[in-house]
């Protein structure tokens, strides 16, 4: 799976799929999540009130369709809470229209992962006027009016990526002044992407300054659109004279594009980072084509968001639901949100099994088509 500036860490064992700061697919289908679009409506009778969930797209990450939508549906259904889960398919007008319809239908809480902060802030103002509580999910809308935010420590995600690349370069005995290309996510639309970059640059900038490494280029994959990744990296690589020693890729989808280009240039084996711990990224890691990814346990994120929404619907204290919220400052809106920020986790070839143990993916899913590689790595 995209992507800003200010973080507070809330202790928790977490990591997620996406897969991602990050960085990412988003959506649900008919009466159950599908890969296409539409809505998921869950009947519930245990509590008075309904929650509306709007996810941003199905292109920036596979997580929204595969994980967020079904996990949220189950969490609300198990609690007897009615839910309407829809995906805007990257269309900002559609996102706003869905929100207006949900508000008109009387939802008590909106849980939104916005395509961009301006669209999200606009929806939040409409919700506030109607007395609807809003939770920013995964991405915070700077300048908005939501009172709550549920995500991961996204600057921490970036720090793991930066340190991961450093570790990989050391393992390959990279020479002093080794050249690095940074492939940022959608910093033009997503604050998480800004935070990821802030995190890995906090690790790498001192090493650039002392000559340990050299930053060859820092490119942006605008809008987190995967189709922009290969051309952007190709241009950066060409500008660097066709040579690179390591690549920061903001998520696994960008990493996949980078790896494809590297192979075409006979540069296989150059360390590449990622994020989301999705099937593709983990397969690249097991095959030695990607050196690390960051696991953000979407189940923990979805469960935390659902617990918070349910508490708001019932009018109970979120702390009573076992949630520990911290202050999160929005510098653009000059306001403070209550935030649940979960802890990400580094994944390398040595601990891919942890993703399976967490229940995020099965060995069969990860190993499809690379069974012999998995067997050699002890994945089961």
Foldseek 3Di string as FASTA:
>chain_A
DAFADFFDADEDDFFAFQDCVVHEAAEADDCTGDLPWDKHKAAFDQFPFEEEEEEEATFLTVCRRPPQRRLLNVLCNVNRHIYIYGYQRNDLVSRLVSLVVVLVVPGQEYEYAYLALVSVQVSQVVCVVSNHAYEDAQFDRFQHDHQEYFHARLLLQLLLLLVLQVVLCVVVVPAFAFEEEEEFEAPVGTNYSVSSVNNNCVNCVVSCVVRRYPYQYYHYQHSSRLVSLLVRVVVSCVSSVVDGQAYEHSAQSSLVSVLVVCVVSVNAQREYEHERLDLNSLLCQLVNRYFKYKGGHVSVRSNLVSLVSVCSSVVHDSVVSVADWDWIARVNNRDTHTYHHYYIDMDGLLVNLVCVVVVVDHLCSNCVPPVVSCVVSVRD
